[in-house]
C-alpha atoms as a PDB file:
ATOM      1  CA  MET A   1     140.658 116.519  69.010  1.00  0.00           C
ATOM      2  CA  ALA A   2     140.074 114.554  72.247  1.00  0.00           C
ATOM      3  CA  LYS A   3     141.891 115.822  75.276  1.00  0.00           C
ATOM      4  CA  LYS A   4     144.626 113.440  76.368  1.00  0.00           C
ATOM      5  CA  VAL A   5     144.100 112.013  79.860  1.00  0.00           C
ATOM      6  CA  THR A   6     147.128 112.316  82.119  1.00  0.00           C
ATOM      7  CA  GLN A   7     148.083 108.926  83.484  1.00  0.00           C
ATOM      8  CA  LEU A   8     148.399 109.028  87.258  1.00  0.00           C
ATOM      9  CA  SER A   9     148.945 105.934  89.387  1.00  0.00           C
ATOM     10  CA  PHE A  10     148.433 105.313  93.100  1.00  0.00           C
ATOM     11  CA  ALA A  11     152.216 105.122  93.543  1.00  0.00           C
ATOM     12  CA  ASP A  12     152.694 108.483  91.804  1.00  0.00           C
ATOM     13  CA  VAL A  13     150.421 110.252  94.274  1.00  0.00           C
ATOM     14  CA  MET A  14     150.587 108.245  97.499  1.00  0.00           C
ATOM     15  CA  GLY A  15     154.106 106.852  97.356  1.00  0.00           C
ATOM     16  CA  ALA A  16     154.957 103.650  99.233  1.00  0.00           C
ATOM     17  CA  ILE A  17     152.298 102.805 101.862  1.00  0.00           C
ATOM     18  CA  ASP A  18     152.317  99.617 103.924  1.00  0.00           C
ATOM     19  CA  GLY A  19     148.522  99.326 104.444  1.00  0.00           C
ATOM     20  CA  ARG A  20     148.558  99.227 108.250  1.00  0.00           C
ATOM     21  CA  ASP A  21     146.008 102.050 108.533  1.00  0.00           C
ATOM     22  CA  ASP A  22     143.187 103.593 106.517  1.00  0.00           C
ATOM     23  CA  ILE A  23     144.097 104.680 102.987  1.00  0.00           C
ATOM     24  CA  ASP A  24     142.275 107.592 101.394  1.00  0.00           C
ATOM     25  CA  CYS A  25     143.296 108.284  97.796  1.00  0.00           C
ATOM     26  CA  SER A  26     139.929 109.719  96.766  1.00  0.00           C
ATOM     27  CA  ASN A  27     139.582 112.665  94.366  1.00  0.00           C
ATOM     28  CA  LYS A  28     143.239 112.600  93.310  1.00  0.00           C
ATOM     29  CA  GLY A  29     142.730 112.208  89.557  1.00  0.00           C
ATOM     30  CA  LEU A  30     144.019 108.615  89.619  1.00  0.00           C
ATOM     31  CA  THR A  31     143.821 106.557  86.444  1.00  0.00           C
ATOM     32  CA  SER A  32     145.493 103.477  87.919  1.00  0.00           C
ATOM     33  CA  LEU A  33     145.825 101.697  91.277  1.00  0.00           C
ATOM     34  CA  ASP A  34     149.305 100.447  90.490  1.00  0.00           C
ATOM     35  CA  GLY A  35     151.436 100.532  93.617  1.00  0.00           C
ATOM     36  CA  CYS A  36     148.703  99.723  96.150  1.00  0.00           C
ATOM     37  CA  PRO A  37     149.577  97.440  99.065  1.00  0.00           C
ATOM     38  CA  GLU A  38     148.173  93.924  98.738  1.00  0.00           C
ATOM     39  CA  LYS A  39     146.517  94.052 102.167  1.00  0.00           C
ATOM     40  CA  VAL A  40     144.897  96.973 104.014  1.00  0.00           C
ATOM     41  CA  LYS A  41     144.062  96.651 107.716  1.00  0.00           C
ATOM     42  CA  GLY A  42     141.692  99.657 107.662  1.00  0.00           C
ATOM     43  CA  ASN A  43     139.459 101.294 105.054  1.00  0.00           C
ATOM     44  CA  PHE A  44     140.431 101.861 101.412  1.00  0.00           C
ATOM     45  CA  ASN A  45     138.813 104.794  99.594  1.00  0.00           C
ATOM     46  CA  CYS A  46     139.606 105.427  95.928  1.00  0.00           C
ATOM     47  CA  SER A  47     136.329 107.143  95.053  1.00  0.00           C
ATOM     48  CA  GLY A  48     135.992 110.184  92.806  1.00  0.00           C
ATOM     49  CA  ASN A  49     138.915 109.382  90.520  1.00  0.00           C
ATOM     50  CA  LYS A  50     139.185 108.468  86.817  1.00  0.00           C
ATOM     51  CA  LEU A  51     139.792 104.769  87.265  1.00  0.00           C
ATOM     52  CA  PRO A  52     138.753 102.600  84.277  1.00  0.00           C
ATOM     53  CA  SER A  53     139.778  99.433  86.127  1.00  0.00           C
ATOM     54  CA  LEU A  54     140.440  98.062  89.620  1.00  0.00           C
ATOM     55  CA  ALA A  55     143.603  96.308  88.511  1.00  0.00           C
ATOM     56  CA  GLY A  56     146.223  96.748  91.206  1.00  0.00           C
ATOM     57  CA  ALA A  57     143.713  97.196  94.037  1.00  0.00           C
ATOM     58  CA  PRO A  58     144.390  95.542  97.415  1.00  0.00           C
ATOM     59  CA  LYS A  59     143.274  91.898  97.557  1.00  0.00           C
ATOM     60  CA  LYS A  60     142.212  91.922 101.208  1.00  0.00           C
ATOM     61  CA  ILE A  61     140.646  94.853 103.069  1.00  0.00           C
ATOM     62  CA  LYS A  62     139.664  94.601 106.733  1.00  0.00           C
ATOM     63  CA  GLY A  63     137.571  97.799 106.633  1.00  0.00           C
ATOM     64  CA  ASP A  64     135.403  99.429 103.973  1.00  0.00           C
ATOM     65  CA  PHE A  65     136.127  99.547 100.228  1.00  0.00           C
ATOM     66  CA  ASN A  66     134.866 102.555  98.273  1.00  0.00           C
ATOM     67  CA  CYS A  67     135.467 102.812  94.506  1.00  0.00           C
ATOM     68  CA  SER A  68     132.367 104.880  93.738  1.00  0.00           C
ATOM     69  CA  SER A  69     132.225 107.696  91.166  1.00  0.00           C
ATOM     70  CA  ASN A  70     134.922 106.428  88.837  1.00  0.00           C
ATOM     71  CA  GLN A  71     134.759 105.163  85.242  1.00  0.00           C
ATOM     72  CA  LEU A  72     134.614 101.466  86.011  1.00  0.00           C
ATOM     73  CA  LYS A  73     132.902  99.101  83.595  1.00  0.00           C
ATOM     74  CA  SER A  74     133.882  96.008  85.563  1.00  0.00           C
ATOM     75  CA  LEU A  75     134.956  95.013  89.086  1.00  0.00           C
ATOM     76  CA  ASP A  76     137.611  92.617  87.789  1.00  0.00           C
ATOM     77  CA  GLY A  77     140.878  93.064  89.624  1.00  0.00           C
ATOM     78  CA  GLY A  78     139.144  94.366  92.755  1.00  0.00           C
ATOM     79  CA  PRO A  79     139.508  93.015  96.304  1.00  0.00           C
ATOM     80  CA  GLU A  80     138.626  89.380  96.896  1.00  0.00           C
ATOM     81  CA  GLU A  81     137.792  89.959 100.550  1.00  0.00           C
ATOM     82  CA  VAL A  82     136.182  93.012 102.173  1.00  0.00           C
ATOM     83  CA  LYS A  83     135.274  92.861 105.860  1.00  0.00           C
ATOM     84  CA  GLY A  84     133.301  96.139 105.859  1.00  0.00           C
ATOM     85  CA  ASP A  85     131.148  97.953 103.275  1.00  0.00           C
ATOM     86  CA  TYR A  86     131.655  97.641  99.500  1.00  0.00           C
ATOM     87  CA  ASP A  87     130.600 100.692  97.488  1.00  0.00           C
ATOM     88  CA  CYS A  88     130.901 100.661  93.687  1.00  0.00           C
ATOM     89  CA  SER A  89     128.031 103.059  92.994  1.00  0.00           C
ATOM     90  CA  ASN A  90     127.935 105.733  90.278  1.00  0.00           C
ATOM     91  CA  ASN A  91     130.253 104.086  87.765  1.00  0.00           C
ATOM     92  CA  HIS A  92     129.574 102.640  84.287  1.00  0.00           C
ATOM     93  CA  LEU A  93     129.207  99.026  85.402  1.00  0.00           C
ATOM     94  CA  SER A  94     127.325  96.661  83.123  1.00  0.00           C
ATOM     95  CA  SER A  95     128.383  93.621  85.156  1.00  0.00           C
ATOM     96  CA  LEU A  96     129.180  92.785  88.787  1.00  0.00           C
ATOM     97  CA  ALA A  97     131.645  90.066  87.851  1.00  0.00           C
ATOM     98  CA  GLY A  98     134.680  90.372  90.054  1.00  0.00           C
ATOM     99  CA  CYS A  99     132.978  91.372  93.305  1.00  0.00           C
ATOM    100  CA  PRO A 100     133.384  89.216  96.432  1.00  0.00           C
ATOM    101  CA  VAL A 101     131.020  86.301  97.092  1.00  0.00           C
ATOM    102  CA  PHE A 102     130.454  87.511 100.672  1.00  0.00           C
ATOM    103  CA  VAL A 103     130.237  91.127 101.889  1.00  0.00           C
ATOM    104  CA  MET A 104     130.247  91.574 105.652  1.00  0.00           C
ATOM    105  CA  GLY A 105     128.878  95.145 105.573  1.00  0.00           C
ATOM    106  CA  ASP A 106     126.716  97.074 103.089  1.00  0.00           C
ATOM    107  CA  PHE A 107     126.925  96.550  99.312  1.00  0.00           C
ATOM    108  CA  SER A 108     125.937  99.332  96.897  1.00  0.00           C
ATOM    109  CA  CYS A 109     126.048  99.149  93.103  1.00  0.00           C
ATOM    110  CA  SER A 110     123.454 101.885  92.587  1.00  0.00           C
ATOM    111  CA  GLY A 111     123.666 104.403  89.764  1.00  0.00           C
ATOM    112  CA  ASN A 112     125.277 102.143  87.176  1.00  0.00           C
ATOM    113  CA  LYS A 113     124.175 100.569  83.853  1.00  0.00           C
ATOM    114  CA  LEU A 114     123.342  97.097  85.127  1.00  0.00           C
ATOM    115  CA  LYS A 115     120.725  95.159  83.183  1.00  0.00           C
ATOM    116  CA  SER A 116     121.331  91.993  85.169  1.00  0.00           C
ATOM    117  CA  LEU A 117     122.729  91.038  88.566  1.00  0.00           C
ATOM    118  CA  LYS A 118     124.202  87.803  87.267  1.00  0.00           C
ATOM    119  CA  GLU A 119     126.468  86.831  84.416  1.00  0.00           C
ATOM    120  CA  GLU A 120     127.118  83.520  82.718  1.00  0.00           C
ATOM    121  CA  ILE A 121     130.757  82.763  81.999  1.00  0.00           C
ATOM    122  CA  VAL A 122     131.491  79.777  79.792  1.00  0.00           C
ATOM    123  CA  SER A 123     134.792  78.097  80.532  1.00  0.00           C
ATOM    124  CA  SER A 124     136.345  74.728  79.683  1.00  0.00           C
ATOM    125  CA  ALA A 125     134.807  73.405  82.915  1.00  0.00           C
ATOM    126  CA  GLY A 126     131.311  74.509  81.907  1.00  0.00           C
ATOM    127  CA  THR A 127     128.965  77.438  82.545  1.00  0.00           C
ATOM    128  CA  ILE A 128     129.566  79.415  85.730  1.00  0.00           C
ATOM    129  CA  LEU A 129     127.142  81.975  87.170  1.00  0.00           C
ATOM    130  CA  THR A 130     128.886  84.981  88.618  1.00  0.00           C
ATOM    131  CA  GLY A 131     128.091  88.535  89.586  1.00  0.00           C
ATOM    132  CA  CYS A 132     126.275  89.655  92.715  1.00  0.00           C
ATOM    133  CA  PRO A 133     127.440  88.646  96.198  1.00  0.00           C
ATOM    134  CA  GLU A 134     125.549  85.633  97.526  1.00  0.00           C
ATOM    135  CA  LEU A 135     125.439  87.000 101.057  1.00  0.00           C
ATOM    136  CA  VAL A 136     125.355  90.625 102.222  1.00  0.00           C
ATOM    137  CA  GLU A 137     125.270  91.047 105.986  1.00  0.00           C
ATOM    138  CA  GLY A 138     124.310  94.743 105.788  1.00  0.00           C
ATOM    139  CA  ASP A 139     122.220  96.684 103.257  1.00  0.00           C
ATOM    140  CA  PHE A 140     122.002  95.773  99.550  1.00  0.00           C
ATOM    141  CA  ASN A 141     121.415  98.647  97.123  1.00  0.00           C
ATOM    142  CA  CYS A 142     121.019  98.113  93.367  1.00  0.00           C
ATOM    143  CA  SER A 143     118.794 101.141  92.772  1.00  0.00           C
ATOM    144  CA  ARG A 144     119.003 103.469  89.746  1.00  0.00           C
ATOM    145  CA  ASN A 145     120.140 100.893  87.218  1.00  0.00           C
ATOM    146  CA  GLN A 146     118.375  99.327  84.215  1.00  0.00           C
ATOM    147  CA  LEU A 147     117.325  96.052  85.834  1.00  0.00           C
ATOM    148  CA  GLU A 148     114.211  94.266  84.562  1.00  0.00           C
ATOM    149  CA  THR A 149     114.604  91.475  87.097  1.00  0.00           C
ATOM    150  CA  ILE A 150     116.413  90.930  90.397  1.00  0.00           C
ATOM    151  CA  GLU A 151     117.337  87.373  89.489  1.00  0.00           C
ATOM    152  CA  GLY A 152     120.784  86.695  90.868  1.00  0.00           C
ATOM    153  CA  SER A 153     120.388  89.017  93.865  1.00  0.00           C
ATOM    154  CA  PRO A 154     121.858  87.903  97.215  1.00  0.00           C
ATOM    155  CA  LYS A 155     120.076  84.970  98.828  1.00  0.00           C
ATOM    156  CA  ILE A 156     120.535  86.518 102.255  1.00  0.00           C
ATOM    157  CA  VAL A 157     120.489  90.250 103.084  1.00  0.00           C
ATOM    158  CA  GLY A 158     120.914  91.259 106.714  1.00  0.00           C
ATOM    159  CA  GLY A 159     119.714  94.873 106.325  1.00  0.00           C
ATOM    160  CA  ASP A 160     117.755  96.897 103.758  1.00  0.00           C
ATOM    161  CA  PHE A 161     117.116  95.769 100.166  1.00  0.00           C
ATOM    162  CA  ASP A 162     116.775  98.640  97.680  1.00  0.00           C
ATOM    163  CA  CYS A 163     115.927  97.909  94.030  1.00  0.00           C
ATOM    164  CA  SER A 164     114.046 101.158  93.411  1.00  0.00           C
ATOM    165  CA  TYR A 165     114.163 103.175  90.173  1.00  0.00           C
ATOM    166  CA  ASN A 166     114.982 100.388  87.762  1.00  0.00           C
ATOM    167  CA  HIS A 167     112.869  98.860  84.978  1.00  0.00           C
ATOM    168  CA  LEU A 168     111.567  95.967  87.066  1.00  0.00           C
ATOM    169  CA  ILE A 169     108.459  94.197  85.854  1.00  0.00           C
ATOM    170  CA  THR A 170     108.646  91.429  88.471  1.00  0.00           C
ATOM    171  CA  LEU A 171     109.880  90.824  92.033  1.00  0.00           C
ATOM    172  CA  LYS A 172     110.512  87.150  91.373  1.00  0.00           C
ATOM    173  CA  ASP A 173     113.717  85.910  93.053  1.00  0.00           C
ATOM    174  CA  SER A 174     113.501  88.379  95.948  1.00  0.00           C
ATOM    175  CA  PRO A 175     114.860  87.044  99.255  1.00  0.00           C
ATOM    176  CA  GLU A 176     112.017  85.498 101.266  1.00  0.00           C
ATOM    177  CA  ILE A 177     112.834  87.424 104.421  1.00  0.00           C
ATOM    178  CA  ILE A 178     114.166  90.985 104.660  1.00  0.00           C
ATOM    179  CA  PHE A 179     115.529  92.002 108.042  1.00  0.00           C
ATOM    180  CA  GLY A 180     115.488  95.739 107.206  1.00  0.00           C
ATOM    181  CA  ASP A 181     113.465  97.817 104.735  1.00  0.00           C
ATOM    182  CA  PHE A 182     112.453  96.762 101.204  1.00  0.00           C
ATOM    183  CA  TYR A 183     112.255  99.436  98.487  1.00  0.00           C
ATOM    184  CA  CYS A 184     110.943  98.666  94.997  1.00  0.00           C
ATOM    185  CA  SER A 185     109.444 102.076  94.213  1.00  0.00           C
ATOM    186  CA  GLY A 186     109.756 103.802  90.837  1.00  0.00           C
ATOM    187  CA  ASN A 187     109.667 100.678  88.683  1.00  0.00           C
ATOM    188  CA  GLN A 188     107.161  99.203  86.202  1.00  0.00           C
ATOM    189  CA  LEU A 189     105.663  96.554  88.453  1.00  0.00           C
ATOM    190  CA  LEU A 190     102.203  95.275  87.561  1.00  0.00           C
ATOM    191  CA  SER A 191     102.194  92.782  90.425  1.00  0.00           C
ATOM    192  CA  LEU A 192     103.854  92.159  93.802  1.00  0.00           C
ATOM    193  CA  GLU A 193     104.021  88.413  93.215  1.00  0.00           C
ATOM    194  CA  GLY A 194     107.461  87.230  94.306  1.00  0.00           C
ATOM    195  CA  ALA A 195     107.873  89.922  96.977  1.00  0.00           C
ATOM    196  CA  PRO A 196     109.487  88.930 100.293  1.00  0.00           C
ATOM    197  CA  ARG A 197     107.182  86.939 102.546  1.00  0.00           C
ATOM    198  CA  GLU A 198     108.193  88.905 105.630  1.00  0.00           C
ATOM    199  CA  VAL A 199     109.751  92.354 106.033  1.00  0.00           C
ATOM    200  CA  PHE A 200     111.017  93.379 109.467  1.00  0.00           C
ATOM    201  CA  GLY A 201     111.299  97.047 108.429  1.00  0.00           C
ATOM    202  CA  SER A 202     109.244  99.126 105.971  1.00  0.00           C
ATOM    203  CA  PHE A 203     107.910  98.130 102.523  1.00  0.00           C
ATOM    204  CA  ASP A 204     107.737 100.742  99.745  1.00  0.00           C
ATOM    205  CA  CYS A 205     106.180  99.833  96.377  1.00  0.00           C
ATOM    206  CA  SER A 206     105.068 103.360  95.476  1.00  0.00           C
ATOM    207  CA  GLY A 207     105.281 104.779  91.954  1.00  0.00           C
ATOM    208  CA  ASN A 208     104.637 101.590  90.005  1.00  0.00           C
ATOM    209  CA  GLN A 209     101.707 100.389  87.860  1.00  0.00           C
ATOM    210  CA  LEU A 210     100.068  98.143  90.417  1.00  0.00           C
ATOM    211  CA  THR A 211      96.358  97.455  90.118  1.00  0.00           C
ATOM    212  CA  SER A 212      96.395  94.983  93.013  1.00  0.00           C
ATOM    213  CA  LEU A 213      98.363  94.337  96.217  1.00  0.00           C
ATOM    214  CA  LYS A 214      98.146  90.576  95.773  1.00  0.00           C
ATOM    215  CA  GLY A 215     101.543  89.122  96.629  1.00  0.00           C
ATOM    216  CA  SER A 216     102.336  91.680  99.352  1.00  0.00           C
ATOM    217  CA  PRO A 217     104.379  90.456 102.313  1.00  0.00           C
ATOM    218  CA  LYS A 218     102.267  88.728 104.943  1.00  0.00           C
ATOM    219  CA  LYS A 219     104.044  90.696 107.657  1.00  0.00           C
ATOM    220  CA  VAL A 220     105.461  94.217 107.540  1.00  0.00           C
ATOM    221  CA  LYS A 221     106.654  95.535 110.887  1.00  0.00           C
ATOM    222  CA  GLY A 222     107.427  99.056 109.624  1.00  0.00           C
ATOM    223  CA  ASN A 223     105.615 101.408 107.233  1.00  0.00           C
ATOM    224  CA  PHE A 224     103.721 100.226 104.140  1.00  0.00           C
ATOM    225  CA  ASN A 225     103.668 102.622 101.171  1.00  0.00           C
ATOM    226  CA  CYS A 226     101.698 101.765  98.027  1.00  0.00           C
ATOM    227  CA  SER A 227     100.996 105.339  96.932  1.00  0.00           C
ATOM    228  CA  CYS A 228     100.980 106.554  93.305  1.00  0.00           C
ATOM    229  CA  ASN A 229      99.861 103.334  91.648  1.00  0.00           C
ATOM    230  CA  GLN A 230      96.610 102.355  89.922  1.00  0.00           C
ATOM    231  CA  LEU A 231      95.006 100.506  92.810  1.00  0.00           C
ATOM    232  CA  THR A 232      91.248 100.079  92.916  1.00  0.00           C
ATOM    233  CA  SER A 233      91.316  97.765  95.941  1.00  0.00           C
ATOM    234  CA  LEU A 234      93.410  97.245  99.093  1.00  0.00           C
ATOM    235  CA  LYS A 235      92.978  93.484  99.026  1.00  0.00           C
ATOM    236  CA  GLY A 236      96.288  91.869  99.980  1.00  0.00           C
ATOM    237  CA  THR A 237      97.384  94.593 102.427  1.00  0.00           C
ATOM    238  CA  PRO A 238      99.189  93.394 105.582  1.00  0.00           C
ATOM    239  CA  GLN A 239      96.767  93.738 108.490  1.00  0.00           C
ATOM    240  CA  GLU A 240      99.173  95.307 110.974  1.00  0.00           C
ATOM    241  CA  VAL A 241     101.685  98.005 110.018  1.00  0.00           C
ATOM    242  CA  GLU A 242     103.468 100.951 111.623  1.00  0.00           C
ATOM    243  CA  ALA A 243     102.134 103.526 109.132  1.00  0.00           C
ATOM    244  CA  PHE A 244     100.099 103.165 105.929  1.00  0.00           C
ATOM    245  CA  GLU A 245     100.080 105.300 102.768  1.00  0.00           C
ATOM    246  CA  CYS A 246      97.843 104.579  99.788  1.00  0.00           C
ATOM    247  CA  SER A 247      97.489 108.122  98.428  1.00  0.00           C
ATOM    248  CA  GLY A 248      97.346 108.911  94.706  1.00  0.00           C
ATOM    249  CA  ASN A 249      95.508 105.791  93.556  1.00  0.00           C
ATOM    250  CA  MET A 250      92.002 105.075  92.192  1.00  0.00           C
ATOM    251  CA  LEU A 251      90.494 103.678  95.379  1.00  0.00           C
ATOM    252  CA  THR A 252      86.751 103.942  95.884  1.00  0.00           C
ATOM    253  CA  SER A 253      86.796 101.968  99.141  1.00  0.00           C
ATOM    254  CA  LEU A 254      89.064 101.430 102.163  1.00  0.00           C
ATOM    255  CA  LYS A 255      87.935  97.848 102.692  1.00  0.00           C
ATOM    256  CA  ARG A 256      90.867  95.536 103.514  1.00  0.00           C
ATOM    257  CA  SER A 257      92.816  98.413 105.117  1.00  0.00           C
ATOM    258  CA  PRO A 258      95.180  97.425 107.926  1.00  0.00           C
ATOM    259  CA  GLU A 259      93.298  96.768 111.147  1.00  0.00           C
ATOM    260  CA  LYS A 260      95.988  98.399 113.278  1.00  0.00           C
ATOM    261  CA  VAL A 261      98.045 101.480 112.363  1.00  0.00           C
ATOM    262  CA  LYS A 262     100.556 102.734 114.919  1.00  0.00           C
ATOM    263  CA  GLY A 263     101.616 105.785 112.873  1.00  0.00           C
ATOM    264  CA  ASN A 264     100.016 107.853 110.087  1.00  0.00           C
ATOM    265  CA  PHE A 265      97.252 106.733 107.724  1.00  0.00           C
ATOM    266  CA  ASP A 266      97.148 108.555 104.361  1.00  0.00           C
ATOM    267  CA  CYS A 267      94.401 107.791 101.837  1.00  0.00           C
ATOM    268  CA  SER A 268      94.372 111.230 100.222  1.00  0.00           C
ATOM    269  CA  MET A 269      93.977 111.896  96.480  1.00  0.00           C
ATOM    270  CA  ASN A 270      91.812 108.906  95.631  1.00  0.00           C
ATOM    271  CA  GLN A 271      88.162 108.562  94.545  1.00  0.00           C
ATOM    272  CA  LEU A 272      86.685 107.675  97.924  1.00  0.00           C
ATOM    273  CA  THR A 273      83.028 108.439  98.528  1.00  0.00           C
ATOM    274  CA  SER A 274      83.097 106.736 101.920  1.00  0.00           C
ATOM    275  CA  LEU A 275      85.625 105.967 104.675  1.00  0.00           C
ATOM    276  CA  SER A 276      84.005 102.616 105.384  1.00  0.00           C
ATOM    277  CA  GLY A 277      86.734 100.068 106.081  1.00  0.00           C
ATOM    278  CA  ALA A 278      89.114 102.529 107.748  1.00  0.00           C
ATOM    279  CA  PRO A 279      90.934 101.362 110.903  1.00  0.00           C
ATOM    280  CA  LYS A 280      89.154 101.956 114.222  1.00  0.00           C
ATOM    281  CA  LYS A 281      92.220 103.632 115.679  1.00  0.00           C
ATOM    282  CA  VAL A 282      95.111 105.558 114.106  1.00  0.00           C
ATOM    283  CA  LYS A 283      97.844 106.718 116.486  1.00  0.00           C
ATOM    284  CA  GLY A 284      99.316 109.256 114.052  1.00  0.00           C
ATOM    285  CA  THR A 285      97.737 111.626 111.504  1.00  0.00           C
ATOM    286  CA  PHE A 286      94.727 110.569 109.411  1.00  0.00           C
ATOM    287  CA  ASN A 287      94.599 112.191 105.949  1.00  0.00           C
ATOM    288  CA  CYS A 288      91.592 111.705 103.676  1.00  0.00           C
ATOM    289  CA  SER A 289      91.909 114.992 101.762  1.00  0.00           C
ATOM    290  CA  GLY A 290      91.355 115.276  98.005  1.00  0.00           C
ATOM    291  CA  ASN A 291      88.619 112.650  97.671  1.00  0.00           C
ATOM    292  CA  GLN A 292      84.879 112.768  96.899  1.00  0.00           C
ATOM    293  CA  LEU A 293      83.643 112.314 100.439  1.00  0.00           C
ATOM    294  CA  ALA A 294      80.167 113.537 101.357  1.00  0.00           C
ATOM    295  CA  THR A 295      80.263 111.911 104.805  1.00  0.00           C
ATOM    296  CA  LEU A 296      82.941 110.976 107.338  1.00  0.00           C
ATOM    297  CA  GLU A 297      80.923 108.205 108.974  1.00  0.00           C
ATOM    298  CA  CYS A 298      83.093 105.095 109.443  1.00  0.00           C
ATOM    299  CA  GLU A 299      84.628 102.754 111.991  1.00  0.00           C
ATOM    300  CA  LEU A 300      87.395 105.271 112.846  1.00  0.00           C
ATOM    301  CA  LYS A 301      86.849 106.638 116.352  1.00  0.00           C
ATOM    302  CA  LYS A 302      90.253 107.756 117.613  1.00  0.00           C
ATOM    303  CA  VAL A 303      93.077 109.718 115.940  1.00  0.00           C
ATOM    304  CA  GLY A 304      96.239 110.412 117.921  1.00  0.00           C
ATOM    305  CA  GLY A 305      97.528 113.109 115.542  1.00  0.00           C
ATOM    306  CA  ASP A 306      95.850 115.519 113.114  1.00  0.00           C
ATOM    307  CA  PHE A 307      92.702 114.838 111.082  1.00  0.00           C
ATOM    308  CA  LEU A 308      92.898 116.174 107.500  1.00  0.00           C
ATOM    309  CA  CYS A 309      89.822 116.158 105.261  1.00  0.00           C
ATOM    310  CA  GLU A 310      90.232 119.173 102.968  1.00  0.00           C
ATOM    311  CA  GLU A 311      89.151 119.373  99.302  1.00  0.00           C
ATOM    312  CA  ASN A 312      86.352 116.832  99.331  1.00  0.00           C
ATOM    313  CA  ALA A 313      82.929 116.814  97.662  1.00  0.00           C
ATOM    314  CA  GLN A 314      81.419 118.376 100.774  1.00  0.00           C
ATOM    315  CA  PRO A 315      83.017 120.799 103.243  1.00  0.00           C
ATOM    316  CA  PHE A 316      83.113 119.538 106.817  1.00  0.00           C
ATOM    317  CA  VAL A 317      82.913 121.441 110.087  1.00  0.00           C
ATOM    318  CA  GLU A 318      85.552 120.901 112.763  1.00  0.00           C
ATOM    319  CA  GLU A 319      83.051 120.841 115.618  1.00  0.00           C
ATOM    320  CA  GLU A 320      81.034 118.059 113.971  1.00  0.00           C
ATOM    321  CA  ILE A 321      84.185 116.024 113.373  1.00  0.00           C
ATOM    322  CA  ARG A 322      85.324 116.262 116.980  1.00  0.00           C
ATOM    323  CA  VAL A 323      81.915 115.049 118.176  1.00  0.00           C
ATOM    324  CA  THR A 324      82.247 111.752 116.285  1.00  0.00           C
ATOM    325  CA  LYS A 325      86.052 111.382 116.269  1.00  0.00           C
ATOM    326  CA  ASN A 326      88.392 111.668 119.235  1.00  0.00           C
ATOM    327  CA  VAL A 327      91.096 113.773 117.558  1.00  0.00           C
ATOM    328  CA  LYS A 328      94.090 114.679 119.708  1.00  0.00           C
ATOM    329  CA  GLY A 329      95.684 117.019 117.166  1.00  0.00           C
ATOM    330  CA  ASN A 330      94.421 119.650 114.751  1.00  0.00           C
ATOM    331  CA  VAL A 331      91.450 119.307 112.398  1.00  0.00           C
ATOM    332  CA  LEU A 332      91.848 120.754 108.879  1.00  0.00           C
ATOM    333  CA  ALA A 333      88.526 120.649 107.077  1.00  0.00           C
END
């Protein structure tokens, strides 16, 4: 026999509150938001409860809104206006219908059951597309869902865009410009076609099924991580990045590597027999361990950090490496 859930409303636990300050009713066992004030001038946190619905929630919140870790299947009845962050992560959402059109802070719907970021509602006036916010001024996080596409995602994202650990097979409909970091790791991507054209932060496409980097952003100002794919070529790589990681692929050549790397360069665990094509200068650590290298001859002349070349076809001697490479850090051979 199923255990009966005790019904517990906001009013039962919090009493009469006018909404002039922050309201924290998290982890109270609430099953209903009945009794909430209509407007809250601070933050509103109802996370960690047993809420099946947002009915009764405040309509306008000047701070952050956090309804994460409940039992929500829908955002219907939730606030129409949130000036800060909106966090509805770790629920049972299959739709984002009911969320605001604009979010002035971060928006997170990670850890739900979303298969789509948009929803078609047919009314007497015709078909209406609803769902995801159109504009998110902070970070947008839809990771750890069941998305096969990011169609319907915000047109403008002011911070990071995280769609990692879904079932994505395409990046079509990504925003063209990302002002923060872009994460699409842990999906089923065969291609980067449709990726943002420019990323002002880092770009992480690791842990997919990529055989090519065609479609990569033209500019990445942060780190570029394409590790743990099935790459046989680096064609399509941005030519200037902060740090570069292509470990755990099937590369036999470093041709088309970035020309300038300001941080670390990691090409370990590939099938390289030569370092030809490596950058001339790496300001961080250079790691070429776990390949099939019989020689370290290449364009690389200066390494600002450590030089790692363990577990290759031929053992190398530190003294010989330092003669040909200006290594500021340690040499592990």
